[in-house]
């Protein structure tokens, strides 16, 4: 389970909107300045937020947040089904061995 973010969702969205404005000569300069103004620990954090927003918005190729969440859930389900399958295989082998034994009487 991922740890909760120490930055509220509204703050992240606001920071991303601020970067998308053309008030700065470059995106790097905007990210560096805005992260310092908002007290974000690292400008790399804000850069990742911007990239994730671009992917979610469709302007950058990649898997969206909802697709990643779905993939994560499907992987959990596959792992659970594989565990259940292994248990069933072991149980069927055990009971098959019991049926093959000769009675003791």
N, C-alpha and C. Protein backbone atom coordinates (compact mmCIF):
# COMPACT_ATOMS: atom_id res chain seq x y z
N UNK A 1 0.85 -1.18 0.00
CA UNK A 1 0.00 0.00 0.00
C UNK A 1 0.89 1.24 0.00
N UNK A 2 0.57 2.16 -0.87
CA UNK A 2 1.36 3.38 -0.98
C UNK A 2 1.09 4.30 0.21
N UNK A 3 2.10 5.01 0.59
CA UNK A 3 1.93 5.93 1.70
C UNK A 3 1.18 7.17 1.20
N UNK A 4 0.39 7.76 2.04
CA UNK A 4 -0.37 8.95 1.61
C UNK A 4 0.57 10.13 1.35
N UNK A 5 0.19 10.96 0.41
CA UNK A 5 0.99 12.12 0.06
C UNK A 5 0.89 13.17 1.16
N UNK A 6 2.01 13.85 1.40
CA UNK A 6 1.96 14.91 2.41
C UNK A 6 1.45 16.22 1.82
N UNK A 7 1.20 16.24 0.51
CA UNK A 7 0.66 17.42 -0.13
C UNK A 7 -0.80 17.15 -0.53
N UNK A 8 -1.70 18.04 -0.18
CA UNK A 8 -3.11 17.84 -0.55
C UNK A 8 -3.30 17.86 -2.07
N UNK A 9 -4.31 17.16 -2.54
CA UNK A 9 -4.59 17.07 -3.97
C UNK A 9 -4.80 18.45 -4.58
N UNK A 10 -5.50 19.34 -3.86
CA UNK A 10 -5.77 20.69 -4.38
C UNK A 10 -4.48 21.45 -4.61
N UNK A 11 -3.53 21.29 -3.69
CA UNK A 11 -2.24 21.98 -3.83
C UNK A 11 -1.48 21.45 -5.05
N UNK A 12 -1.51 20.14 -5.26
CA UNK A 12 -0.82 19.56 -6.42
C UNK A 12 -1.43 20.07 -7.71
N UNK A 13 -2.77 20.10 -7.77
CA UNK A 13 -3.45 20.58 -8.98
C UNK A 13 -3.13 22.06 -9.23
N UNK A 14 -3.11 22.85 -8.19
CA UNK A 14 -2.81 24.28 -8.32
C UNK A 14 -1.39 24.48 -8.82
N UNK A 15 -0.44 23.73 -8.27
CA UNK A 15 0.95 23.84 -8.69
C UNK A 15 1.10 23.48 -10.16
N UNK A 16 0.42 22.44 -10.60
CA UNK A 16 0.50 22.02 -12.01
C UNK A 16 -0.09 23.11 -12.91
N UNK A 17 -1.20 23.70 -12.49
CA UNK A 17 -1.80 24.79 -13.28
C UNK A 17 -0.85 25.98 -13.36
N UNK A 18 -0.17 26.28 -12.26
CA UNK A 18 0.77 27.41 -12.26
C UNK A 18 1.93 27.17 -13.22
N UNK A 19 2.39 25.95 -13.32
CA UNK A 19 3.50 25.64 -14.23
C UNK A 19 3.06 25.78 -15.68
N UNK A 20 1.81 25.41 -15.96
CA UNK A 20 1.35 25.42 -17.35
C UNK A 20 1.18 26.83 -17.92
N UNK A 21 1.17 27.84 -17.07
CA UNK A 21 1.09 29.22 -17.57
C UNK A 21 2.43 29.59 -18.20
N UNK A 22 2.40 30.53 -19.14
CA UNK A 22 3.60 30.93 -19.87
C UNK A 22 4.27 32.17 -19.25
N UNK A 23 4.33 32.23 -17.93
CA UNK A 23 4.93 33.40 -17.28
C UNK A 23 6.44 33.26 -17.13
N UNK A 24 7.00 32.11 -17.47
CA UNK A 24 8.41 31.84 -17.25
C UNK A 24 9.09 31.50 -18.58
N UNK A 25 10.39 31.78 -18.68
CA UNK A 25 11.08 31.51 -19.94
C UNK A 25 11.16 30.03 -20.31
N UNK A 26 11.18 29.14 -19.31
CA UNK A 26 11.23 27.70 -19.60
C UNK A 26 10.43 26.94 -18.55
N UNK A 27 10.08 25.72 -18.90
CA UNK A 27 9.33 24.90 -17.96
C UNK A 27 10.19 24.59 -16.72
N UNK A 28 11.47 24.35 -16.94
CA UNK A 28 12.37 24.08 -15.82
C UNK A 28 12.38 25.24 -14.83
N UNK A 29 12.47 26.45 -15.35
CA UNK A 29 12.49 27.63 -14.49
C UNK A 29 11.16 27.77 -13.73
N UNK A 30 10.06 27.51 -14.42
CA UNK A 30 8.74 27.58 -13.78
C UNK A 30 8.64 26.56 -12.64
N UNK A 31 9.05 25.34 -12.91
CA UNK A 31 8.98 24.28 -11.89
C UNK A 31 9.84 24.63 -10.70
N UNK A 32 11.05 25.08 -10.96
CA UNK A 32 11.97 25.42 -9.86
C UNK A 32 11.42 26.57 -9.01
N UNK A 33 10.91 27.61 -9.65
CA UNK A 33 10.41 28.78 -8.94
C UNK A 33 9.12 28.45 -8.16
N UNK A 34 8.21 27.76 -8.80
CA UNK A 34 6.92 27.46 -8.16
C UNK A 34 7.10 26.49 -6.99
N UNK A 35 7.97 25.50 -7.15
CA UNK A 35 8.19 24.56 -6.04
C UNK A 35 8.79 25.29 -4.84
N UNK A 36 9.65 26.26 -5.08
CA UNK A 36 10.20 27.04 -3.97
C UNK A 36 9.12 27.91 -3.32
N UNK A 37 8.26 28.55 -4.13
CA UNK A 37 7.20 29.42 -3.61
C UNK A 37 6.20 28.65 -2.75
N UNK A 38 5.84 27.44 -3.20
CA UNK A 38 4.81 26.67 -2.51
C UNK A 38 5.38 25.78 -1.39
N UNK A 39 6.68 25.76 -1.25
CA UNK A 39 7.28 24.97 -0.18
C UNK A 39 7.30 23.48 -0.47
N UNK A 40 7.35 23.14 -1.75
CA UNK A 40 7.44 21.73 -2.13
C UNK A 40 8.89 21.32 -1.96
N UNK A 41 9.10 20.19 -1.30
CA UNK A 41 10.45 19.76 -0.92
C UNK A 41 11.45 19.73 -2.05
N UNK A 42 11.05 19.27 -3.22
CA UNK A 42 11.97 19.14 -4.34
C UNK A 42 11.27 19.55 -5.62
N UNK A 43 12.02 20.18 -6.52
CA UNK A 43 11.41 20.55 -7.80
C UNK A 43 11.12 19.29 -8.63
N UNK A 44 11.83 18.20 -8.35
CA UNK A 44 11.56 16.93 -9.04
C UNK A 44 10.15 16.43 -8.73
N UNK A 45 9.69 16.66 -7.52
CA UNK A 45 8.33 16.27 -7.13
C UNK A 45 7.31 16.97 -8.02
N UNK A 46 7.47 18.26 -8.17
CA UNK A 46 6.55 19.03 -9.02
C UNK A 46 6.67 18.61 -10.47
N UNK A 47 7.87 18.32 -10.93
CA UNK A 47 8.06 17.86 -12.32
C UNK A 47 7.28 16.57 -12.56
N UNK A 48 7.31 15.65 -11.60
CA UNK A 48 6.57 14.39 -11.74
C UNK A 48 5.07 14.65 -11.77
N UNK A 49 4.59 15.59 -10.96
CA UNK A 49 3.16 15.93 -10.97
C UNK A 49 2.76 16.46 -12.34
N UNK A 50 3.62 17.32 -12.91
CA UNK A 50 3.33 17.91 -14.22
C UNK A 50 3.29 16.81 -15.28
N UNK A 51 4.26 15.91 -15.27
CA UNK A 51 4.29 14.82 -16.26
C UNK A 51 3.06 13.92 -16.11
N UNK A 52 2.67 13.60 -14.89
CA UNK A 52 1.50 12.75 -14.64
C UNK A 52 0.24 13.45 -15.16
N UNK A 53 0.13 14.78 -14.94
CA UNK A 53 -1.02 15.54 -15.42
C UNK A 53 -1.05 15.56 -16.95
N UNK A 54 0.11 15.64 -17.58
CA UNK A 54 0.17 15.61 -19.05
C UNK A 54 -0.29 14.26 -19.59
N UNK A 55 0.13 13.17 -18.94
CA UNK A 55 -0.29 11.83 -19.38
C UNK A 55 -1.79 11.68 -19.17
N UNK A 56 -2.28 12.09 -18.00
CA UNK A 56 -3.71 11.97 -17.72
C UNK A 56 -4.55 12.84 -18.66
N UNK A 57 -3.98 13.97 -19.07
CA UNK A 57 -4.70 14.86 -19.98
C UNK A 57 -4.61 14.45 -21.43
N UNK A 58 -3.77 13.49 -21.75
CA UNK A 58 -3.65 13.00 -23.12
C UNK A 58 -2.65 13.74 -23.97
N UNK A 59 -1.91 14.68 -23.41
CA UNK A 59 -0.92 15.42 -24.20
C UNK A 59 0.43 14.74 -24.23
N UNK A 60 0.63 13.71 -23.42
CA UNK A 60 1.88 12.95 -23.38
C UNK A 60 1.52 11.47 -23.40
N UNK A 61 2.27 10.67 -24.16
CA UNK A 61 1.95 9.23 -24.19
C UNK A 61 2.27 8.55 -22.87
N UNK A 62 1.54 7.51 -22.58
CA UNK A 62 1.76 6.74 -21.36
C UNK A 62 0.45 6.26 -20.78
N UNK A 63 0.55 5.49 -19.72
CA UNK A 63 -0.63 4.95 -19.05
C UNK A 63 -1.16 5.98 -18.06
N UNK A 64 -2.46 6.20 -18.10
CA UNK A 64 -3.08 7.17 -17.20
C UNK A 64 -3.14 6.61 -15.79
N UNK A 65 -3.47 7.47 -14.84
CA UNK A 65 -3.57 7.06 -13.45
C UNK A 65 -4.63 5.99 -13.26
N UNK A 66 -5.75 6.13 -13.95
CA UNK A 66 -6.82 5.13 -13.81
C UNK A 66 -6.39 3.80 -14.42
N UNK A 67 -5.67 3.83 -15.53
CA UNK A 67 -5.16 2.59 -16.12
C UNK A 67 -4.16 1.90 -15.19
N UNK A 68 -3.30 2.68 -14.58
CA UNK A 68 -2.32 2.11 -13.64
C UNK A 68 -3.00 1.49 -12.44
N UNK A 69 -4.06 2.14 -11.95
CA UNK A 69 -4.81 1.59 -10.81
C UNK A 69 -5.49 0.29 -11.20
N UNK A 70 -6.04 0.24 -12.40
CA UNK A 70 -6.70 -0.98 -12.87
C UNK A 70 -5.69 -2.11 -13.03
N UNK A 71 -4.53 -1.81 -13.57
CA UNK A 71 -3.48 -2.81 -13.73
C UNK A 71 -3.05 -3.34 -12.36
N UNK A 72 -2.90 -2.45 -11.40
CA UNK A 72 -2.51 -2.85 -10.04
C UNK A 72 -3.55 -3.80 -9.43
N UNK A 73 -4.83 -3.46 -9.59
CA UNK A 73 -5.90 -4.31 -9.07
C UNK A 73 -5.92 -5.67 -9.77
N UNK A 74 -5.73 -5.67 -11.07
CA UNK A 74 -5.74 -6.93 -11.81
C UNK A 74 -4.55 -7.82 -11.42
N UNK A 75 -3.40 -7.20 -11.15
CA UNK A 75 -2.24 -7.98 -10.70
C UNK A 75 -2.51 -8.61 -9.33
N UNK A 76 -3.18 -7.87 -8.45
CA UNK A 76 -3.54 -8.44 -7.14
C UNK A 76 -4.48 -9.63 -7.32
N UNK A 77 -5.46 -9.46 -8.20
CA UNK A 77 -6.42 -10.53 -8.44
C UNK A 77 -5.74 -11.78 -9.02
N UNK A 78 -4.82 -11.58 -9.96
CA UNK A 78 -4.09 -12.70 -10.56
C UNK A 78 -3.27 -13.42 -9.49
N UNK A 79 -2.60 -12.67 -8.63
CA UNK A 79 -1.80 -13.29 -7.56
C UNK A 79 -2.68 -14.11 -6.63
N UNK A 80 -3.85 -13.59 -6.29
CA UNK A 80 -4.77 -14.31 -5.40
C UNK A 80 -5.28 -15.58 -6.08
N UNK A 81 -5.61 -15.49 -7.35
CA UNK A 81 -6.08 -16.66 -8.08
C UNK A 81 -4.98 -17.72 -8.22
N UNK A 82 -3.75 -17.28 -8.41
CA UNK A 82 -2.64 -18.24 -8.48
C UNK A 82 -2.43 -18.94 -7.15
N UNK A 83 -2.54 -18.20 -6.05
CA UNK A 83 -2.42 -18.82 -4.72
C UNK A 83 -3.53 -19.84 -4.51
N UNK A 84 -4.74 -19.48 -4.87
CA UNK A 84 -5.87 -20.40 -4.72
C UNK A 84 -5.68 -21.63 -5.59
N UNK A 85 -5.17 -21.44 -6.78
CA UNK A 85 -4.93 -22.55 -7.69
C UNK A 85 -3.89 -23.51 -7.10
N UNK A 86 -2.83 -22.99 -6.51
CA UNK A 86 -1.80 -23.84 -5.89
C UNK A 86 -2.39 -24.63 -4.72
N UNK A 87 -3.23 -24.00 -3.94
CA UNK A 87 -3.88 -24.70 -2.82
C UNK A 87 -4.75 -25.83 -3.35
N UNK A 88 -5.52 -25.55 -4.39
CA UNK A 88 -6.38 -26.58 -4.97
C UNK A 88 -5.58 -27.74 -5.58
N UNK A 89 -4.45 -27.43 -6.21
CA UNK A 89 -3.59 -28.49 -6.75
C UNK A 89 -3.06 -29.38 -5.63
N UNK A 90 -2.60 -28.75 -4.55
CA UNK A 90 -2.08 -29.53 -3.43
C UNK A 90 -3.17 -30.39 -2.81
N UNK A 91 -4.36 -29.83 -2.67
CA UNK A 91 -5.47 -30.58 -2.07
C UNK A 91 -5.87 -31.75 -2.98
N UNK A 92 -5.93 -31.53 -4.27
CA UNK A 92 -6.31 -32.62 -5.17
C UNK A 92 -5.26 -33.72 -5.18
N UNK A 93 -3.98 -33.36 -5.09
CA UNK A 93 -2.92 -34.37 -5.01
C UNK A 93 -3.05 -35.17 -3.72
N UNK A 94 -3.36 -34.51 -2.62
CA UNK A 94 -3.53 -35.18 -1.33
C UNK A 94 -4.69 -36.17 -1.38
N UNK A 95 -5.84 -35.72 -1.88
CA UNK A 95 -7.01 -36.59 -1.91
C UNK A 95 -6.85 -37.71 -2.94
N UNK A 96 -6.14 -37.46 -4.03
CA UNK A 96 -5.90 -38.51 -5.02
C UNK A 96 -5.02 -39.60 -4.41
N UNK A 97 -4.05 -39.21 -3.60
CA UNK A 97 -3.19 -40.18 -2.92
C UNK A 97 -4.00 -41.00 -1.93
N UNK A 98 -4.96 -40.38 -1.27
CA UNK A 98 -5.82 -41.10 -0.32
C UNK A 98 -6.67 -42.14 -1.05
N UNK A 99 -7.14 -41.82 -2.23
CA UNK A 99 -7.99 -42.76 -2.97
C UNK A 99 -7.19 -43.93 -3.52
N UNK A 100 -5.90 -43.69 -3.81
CA UNK A 100 -5.06 -44.75 -4.37
C UNK A 100 -4.59 -45.77 -3.33
N UNK A 101 -4.64 -45.44 -2.07
CA UNK A 101 -4.18 -46.36 -1.02
C UNK A 101 -5.14 -47.54 -0.87
N UNK A 102 -4.57 -48.67 -0.55
CA UNK A 102 -5.38 -49.84 -0.29
C UNK A 102 -5.97 -49.78 1.10
N UNK A 103 -7.17 -50.26 1.28
CA UNK A 103 -7.74 -50.26 2.63
C UNK A 103 -6.95 -51.19 3.56
N UNK A 104 -6.91 -50.90 4.85
CA UNK A 104 -6.10 -51.63 5.82
C UNK A 104 -6.83 -52.81 6.42
N UNK A 105 -7.98 -53.14 6.13
CA UNK A 105 -8.72 -54.21 6.77
C UNK A 105 -8.61 -55.51 6.07
